[in-house]
C-alpha cells in the first residue's frame, strides 16, 4: 500500500444508540463464553432481554 493512499484513508466508526444492551444480550447468547464472563442467566422470562443480569459491561 502506498503512503499516499494511507494518508487519504479515513477512519470509519459507528455508534449504535438504543441498541447497545440488545447487542450485549445477543452476544451473551451467541457466544456463551461472553455470557459466562460478563453476565448471569437468571432464568427464562419474557421478553428474552430479561433472561440476563450483568454488573460489568464489555468495552
PDB file of N, CA and C in Angstrom:
ATOM      1  N   UNK A   1       0.850  -1.175   0.000  1.00  0.00           N
ATOM      2  CA  UNK A   1       0.000   0.000   0.000  1.00  0.00           C
ATOM      3  C   UNK A   1       0.893   1.235   0.000  1.00  0.00           C
ATOM      4  N   UNK A   2       0.582   2.187  -0.817  1.00  0.00           N
ATOM      5  CA  UNK A   2       1.403   3.396  -0.914  1.00  0.00           C
ATOM      6  C   UNK A   2       1.098   4.342   0.237  1.00  0.00           C
ATOM      7  N   UNK A   3       2.087   5.214   0.522  1.00  0.00           N
ATOM      8  CA  UNK A   3       1.912   6.197   1.591  1.00  0.00           C
ATOM      9  C   UNK A   3       0.794   7.177   1.277  1.00  0.00           C
ATOM     10  N   UNK A   4       0.640   7.541   0.000  1.00  0.00           N
ATOM     11  CA  UNK A   4      -0.399   8.492  -0.399  1.00  0.00           C
ATOM     12  C   UNK A   4      -1.784   7.934  -0.098  1.00  0.00           C
ATOM     13  N   UNK A   5      -1.981   6.669  -0.384  1.00  0.00           N
ATOM     14  CA  UNK A   5      -3.287   6.065  -0.126  1.00  0.00           C
ATOM     15  C   UNK A   5      -3.550   5.981   1.380  1.00  0.00           C
ATOM     16  N   UNK A   6      -2.550   5.636   2.164  1.00  0.00           N
ATOM     17  CA  UNK A   6      -2.696   5.539   3.610  1.00  0.00           C
ATOM     18  C   UNK A   6      -3.076   6.890   4.209  1.00  0.00           C
ATOM     19  N   UNK A   7      -2.480   7.971   3.753  1.00  0.00           N
ATOM     20  CA  UNK A   7      -2.762   9.304   4.291  1.00  0.00           C
ATOM     21  C   UNK A   7      -4.168   9.772   3.926  1.00  0.00           C
ATOM     22  N   UNK A   8      -4.700   9.323   2.813  1.00  0.00           N
ATOM     23  CA  UNK A   8      -6.014   9.778   2.363  1.00  0.00           C
ATOM     24  C   UNK A   8      -7.168   8.937   2.906  1.00  0.00           C
ATOM     25  N   UNK A   9      -6.874   7.773   3.470  1.00  0.00           N
ATOM     26  CA  UNK A   9      -7.944   6.931   4.009  1.00  0.00           C
ATOM     27  C   UNK A   9      -8.479   7.549   5.294  1.00  0.00           C
ATOM     28  N   UNK A  10      -9.774   7.463   5.467  1.00  0.00           N
ATOM     29  CA  UNK A  10     -10.406   7.992   6.668  1.00  0.00           C
ATOM     30  C   UNK A  10     -10.857   6.834   7.539  1.00  0.00           C
ATOM     31  N   UNK A  11     -10.766   7.042   8.835  1.00  0.00           N
ATOM     32  CA  UNK A  11     -11.226   6.030   9.777  1.00  0.00           C
ATOM     33  C   UNK A  11     -12.752   6.085   9.838  1.00  0.00           C
ATOM     34  N   UNK A  12     -13.378   4.930   9.817  1.00  0.00           N
ATOM     35  CA  UNK A  12     -14.833   4.851   9.867  1.00  0.00           C
ATOM     36  C   UNK A  12     -15.231   4.198  11.183  1.00  0.00           C
ATOM     37  N   UNK A  13     -16.192   4.789  11.856  1.00  0.00           N
ATOM     38  CA  UNK A  13     -16.715   4.195  13.083  1.00  0.00           C
ATOM     39  C   UNK A  13     -18.225   4.396  13.129  1.00  0.00           C
ATOM     40  N   UNK A  14     -18.879   3.578  13.918  1.00  0.00           N
ATOM     41  CA  UNK A  14     -20.330   3.620  14.032  1.00  0.00           C
ATOM     42  C   UNK A  14     -20.710   3.709  15.502  1.00  0.00           C
ATOM     43  N   UNK A  15     -21.757   4.437  15.786  1.00  0.00           N
ATOM     44  CA  UNK A  15     -22.329   4.498  17.119  1.00  0.00           C
ATOM     45  C   UNK A  15     -23.752   3.967  17.019  1.00  0.00           C
ATOM     46  N   UNK A  16     -24.061   3.023  17.897  1.00  0.00           N
ATOM     47  CA  UNK A  16     -25.398   2.416  17.874  1.00  0.00           C
ATOM     48  C   UNK A  16     -26.140   2.913  19.103  1.00  0.00           C
ATOM     49  N   UNK A  17     -27.014   3.885  18.927  1.00  0.00           N
ATOM     50  CA  UNK A  17     -27.795   4.416  20.037  1.00  0.00           C
ATOM     51  C   UNK A  17     -29.045   3.563  20.230  1.00  0.00           C
ATOM     52  N   UNK A  18     -29.300   3.134  21.464  1.00  0.00           N
ATOM     53  CA  UNK A  18     -30.507   2.395  21.770  1.00  0.00           C
ATOM     54  C   UNK A  18     -30.405   0.896  21.551  1.00  0.00           C
ATOM     55  N   UNK A  19     -29.369   0.425  20.881  1.00  0.00           N
ATOM     56  CA  UNK A  19     -29.233  -0.999  20.632  1.00  0.00           C
ATOM     57  C   UNK A  19     -28.113  -1.634  21.439  1.00  0.00           C
ATOM     58  N   UNK A  20     -27.372  -0.854  22.193  1.00  0.00           N
ATOM     59  CA  UNK A  20     -26.197  -1.398  22.865  1.00  0.00           C
ATOM     60  C   UNK A  20     -26.545  -2.551  23.808  1.00  0.00           C
ATOM     61  N   UNK A  21     -27.563  -2.427  24.631  1.00  0.00           N
ATOM     62  CA  UNK A  21     -27.919  -3.505  25.554  1.00  0.00           C
ATOM     63  C   UNK A  21     -28.442  -4.717  24.789  1.00  0.00           C
ATOM     64  N   UNK A  22     -29.173  -4.480  23.727  1.00  0.00           N
ATOM     65  CA  UNK A  22     -29.688  -5.583  22.917  1.00  0.00           C
ATOM     66  C   UNK A  22     -28.535  -6.354  22.284  1.00  0.00           C
ATOM     67  N   UNK A  23     -27.539  -5.639  21.771  1.00  0.00           N
ATOM     68  CA  UNK A  23     -26.380  -6.296  21.170  1.00  0.00           C
ATOM     69  C   UNK A  23     -25.573  -7.050  22.225  1.00  0.00           C
ATOM     70  N   UNK A  24     -25.506  -6.507  23.429  1.00  0.00           N
ATOM     71  CA  UNK A  24     -24.795  -7.171  24.516  1.00  0.00           C
ATOM     72  C   UNK A  24     -25.482  -8.487  24.863  1.00  0.00           C
ATOM     73  N   UNK A  25     -26.792  -8.483  24.990  1.00  0.00           N
ATOM     74  CA  UNK A  25     -27.538  -9.709  25.304  1.00  0.00           C
ATOM     75  C   UNK A  25     -27.412 -10.711  24.166  1.00  0.00           C
ATOM     76  N   UNK A  26     -27.491 -10.244  22.929  1.00  0.00           N
ATOM     77  CA  UNK A  26     -27.322 -11.138  21.781  1.00  0.00           C
ATOM     78  C   UNK A  26     -25.951 -11.813  21.843  1.00  0.00           C
ATOM     79  N   UNK A  27     -24.922 -11.043  22.163  1.00  0.00           N
ATOM     80  CA  UNK A  27     -23.568 -11.596  22.245  1.00  0.00           C
ATOM     81  C   UNK A  27     -23.488 -12.647  23.346  1.00  0.00           C
ATOM     82  N   UNK A  28     -24.143 -12.416  24.479  1.00  0.00           N
ATOM     83  CA  UNK A  28     -24.153 -13.406  25.564  1.00  0.00           C
ATOM     84  C   UNK A  28     -24.739 -14.733  25.088  1.00  0.00           C
ATOM     85  N   UNK A  29     -25.798 -14.664  24.317  1.00  0.00           N
ATOM     86  CA  UNK A  29     -26.457 -15.883  23.866  1.00  0.00           C
ATOM     87  C   UNK A  29     -25.736 -16.522  22.680  1.00  0.00           C
ATOM     88  N   UNK A  30     -25.176 -15.706  21.811  1.00  0.00           N
ATOM     89  CA  UNK A  30     -24.491 -16.232  20.631  1.00  0.00           C
ATOM     90  C   UNK A  30     -23.107 -16.787  20.974  1.00  0.00           C
ATOM     91  N   UNK A  31     -22.475 -16.207  21.980  1.00  0.00           N
ATOM     92  CA  UNK A  31     -21.133 -16.630  22.397  1.00  0.00           C
ATOM     93  C   UNK A  31     -21.159 -16.888  23.895  1.00  0.00           C
ATOM     94  N   UNK A  32     -21.488 -18.102  24.306  1.00  0.00           N
ATOM     95  CA  UNK A  32     -21.669 -18.414  25.734  1.00  0.00           C
ATOM     96  C   UNK A  32     -20.486 -18.020  26.627  1.00  0.00           C
ATOM     97  N   UNK A  33     -19.265 -17.994  26.074  1.00  0.00           N
ATOM     98  CA  UNK A  33     -18.105 -17.587  26.879  1.00  0.00           C
ATOM     99  C   UNK A  33     -18.270 -16.158  27.393  1.00  0.00           C
ATOM    100  N   UNK A  34     -18.858 -15.290  26.569  1.00  0.00           N
ATOM    101  CA  UNK A  34     -19.103 -13.912  26.998  1.00  0.00           C
ATOM    102  C   UNK A  34     -20.153 -13.857  28.094  1.00  0.00           C
ATOM    103  N   UNK A  35     -21.220 -14.643  27.928  1.00  0.00           N
ATOM    104  CA  UNK A  35     -22.264 -14.675  28.945  1.00  0.00           C
ATOM    105  C   UNK A  35     -21.738 -15.148  30.284  1.00  0.00           C
ATOM    106  N   UNK A  36     -20.848 -16.135  30.247  1.00  0.00           N
ATOM    107  CA  UNK A  36     -20.273 -16.642  31.488  1.00  0.00           C
ATOM    108  C   UNK A  36     -19.344 -15.620  32.139  1.00  0.00           C
ATOM    109  N   UNK A  37     -18.661 -14.848  31.312  1.00  0.00           N
ATOM    110  CA  UNK A  37     -17.681 -13.889  31.841  1.00  0.00           C
ATOM    111  C   UNK A  37     -18.313 -12.576  32.307  1.00  0.00           C
ATOM    112  N   UNK A  38     -19.290 -12.080  31.559  1.00  0.00           N
ATOM    113  CA  UNK A  38     -19.827 -10.747  31.833  1.00  0.00           C
ATOM    114  C   UNK A  38     -21.260 -10.739  32.361  1.00  0.00           C
ATOM    115  N   UNK A  39     -21.970 -11.836  32.276  1.00  0.00           N
ATOM    116  CA  UNK A  39     -23.369 -11.827  32.677  1.00  0.00           C
ATOM    117  C   UNK A  39     -23.751 -13.049  33.474  1.00  0.00           C
ATOM    118  N   UNK A  40     -24.994 -13.078  33.870  1.00  0.00           N
ATOM    119  CA  UNK A  40     -25.542 -14.217  34.589  1.00  0.00           C
ATOM    120  C   UNK A  40     -26.960 -14.446  34.090  1.00  0.00           C
ATOM    121  N   UNK A  41     -27.228 -15.661  33.653  1.00  0.00           N
ATOM    122  CA  UNK A  41     -28.568 -16.015  33.200  1.00  0.00           C
ATOM    123  C   UNK A  41     -29.434 -16.229  34.439  1.00  0.00           C
ATOM    124  N   UNK A  42     -30.515 -15.490  34.541  1.00  0.00           N
ATOM    125  CA  UNK A  42     -31.356 -15.561  35.742  1.00  0.00           C
ATOM    126  C   UNK A  42     -32.631 -16.363  35.508  1.00  0.00           C
ATOM    127  N   UNK A  43     -32.714 -17.057  34.390  1.00  0.00           N
ATOM    128  CA  UNK A  43     -33.872 -17.897  34.119  1.00  0.00           C
ATOM    129  C   UNK A  43     -34.649 -17.397  32.921  1.00  0.00           C
ATOM    130  N   UNK A  44     -35.627 -18.179  32.555  1.00  0.00           N
ATOM    131  CA  UNK A  44     -36.423 -17.849  31.379  1.00  0.00           C
ATOM    132  C   UNK A  44     -37.528 -16.877  31.743  1.00  0.00           C
ATOM    133  N   UNK A  45     -37.503 -15.752  31.080  1.00  0.00           N
ATOM    134  CA  UNK A  45     -38.513 -14.711  31.272  1.00  0.00           C
ATOM    135  C   UNK A  45     -38.891 -14.162  29.912  1.00  0.00           C
ATOM    136  N   UNK A  46     -39.952 -13.436  29.885  1.00  0.00           N
ATOM    137  CA  UNK A  46     -40.361 -12.795  28.645  1.00  0.00           C
ATOM    138  C   UNK A  46     -40.467 -11.303  28.918  1.00  0.00           C
ATOM    139  N   UNK A  47     -39.883 -10.460  28.128  1.00  0.00           N
ATOM    140  CA  UNK A  47     -39.107 -10.695  26.919  1.00  0.00           C
ATOM    141  C   UNK A  47     -37.731 -11.279  27.246  1.00  0.00           C
ATOM    142  N   UNK A  48     -37.111 -11.822  26.230  1.00  0.00           N
ATOM    143  CA  UNK A  48     -35.839 -12.524  26.370  1.00  0.00           C
ATOM    144  C   UNK A  48     -34.739 -11.645  26.974  1.00  0.00           C
ATOM    145  N   UNK A  49     -34.841 -10.354  26.797  1.00  0.00           N
ATOM    146  CA  UNK A  49     -33.879  -9.413  27.357  1.00  0.00           C
ATOM    147  C   UNK A  49     -33.763  -9.565  28.874  1.00  0.00           C
ATOM    148  N   UNK A  50     -34.827 -10.020  29.519  1.00  0.00           N
ATOM    149  CA  UNK A  50     -34.840 -10.161  30.974  1.00  0.00           C
ATOM    150  C   UNK A  50     -34.205 -11.456  31.467  1.00  0.00           C
ATOM    151  N   UNK A  51     -33.720 -12.313  30.562  1.00  0.00           N
ATOM    152  CA  UNK A  51     -33.023 -13.542  30.939  1.00  0.00           C
ATOM    153  C   UNK A  51     -31.715 -13.251  31.672  1.00  0.00           C
ATOM    154  N   UNK A  52     -31.126 -12.085  31.393  1.00  0.00           N
ATOM    155  CA  UNK A  52     -29.752 -11.804  31.800  1.00  0.00           C
ATOM    156  C   UNK A  52     -29.651 -10.642  32.769  1.00  0.00           C
ATOM    157  N   UNK A  53     -28.672 -10.747  33.657  1.00  0.00           N
ATOM    158  CA  UNK A  53     -28.283  -9.637  34.513  1.00  0.00           C
ATOM    159  C   UNK A  53     -26.771  -9.501  34.412  1.00  0.00           C
ATOM    160  N   UNK A  54     -26.273  -8.301  34.611  1.00  0.00           N
ATOM    161  CA  UNK A  54     -24.849  -8.067  34.476  1.00  0.00           C
ATOM    162  C   UNK A  54     -24.430  -6.891  35.328  1.00  0.00           C
ATOM    163  N   UNK A  55     -23.256  -7.009  35.920  1.00  0.00           N
ATOM    164  CA  UNK A  55     -22.694  -5.886  36.668  1.00  0.00           C
ATOM    165  C   UNK A  55     -21.511  -5.280  35.931  1.00  0.00           C
ATOM    166  N   UNK A  56     -21.067  -5.958  34.852  1.00  0.00           N
ATOM    167  CA  UNK A  56     -19.951  -5.473  34.047  1.00  0.00           C
ATOM    168  C   UNK A  56     -20.422  -5.236  32.620  1.00  0.00           C
ATOM    169  N   UNK A  57     -19.779  -4.311  31.936  1.00  0.00           N
ATOM    170  CA  UNK A  57     -20.056  -4.088  30.521  1.00  0.00           C
ATOM    171  C   UNK A  57     -18.776  -4.277  29.735  1.00  0.00           C
ATOM    172  N   UNK A  58     -18.815  -5.119  28.694  1.00  0.00           N
ATOM    173  CA  UNK A  58     -17.615  -5.265  27.872  1.00  0.00           C
ATOM    174  C   UNK A  58     -17.329  -3.957  27.141  1.00  0.00           C
ATOM    175  N   UNK A  59     -16.073  -3.641  26.984  1.00  0.00           N
ATOM    176  CA  UNK A  59     -15.662  -2.408  26.300  1.00  0.00           C
ATOM    177  C   UNK A  59     -15.061  -2.739  24.955  1.00  0.00           C
TER     178      UNK A  59
END
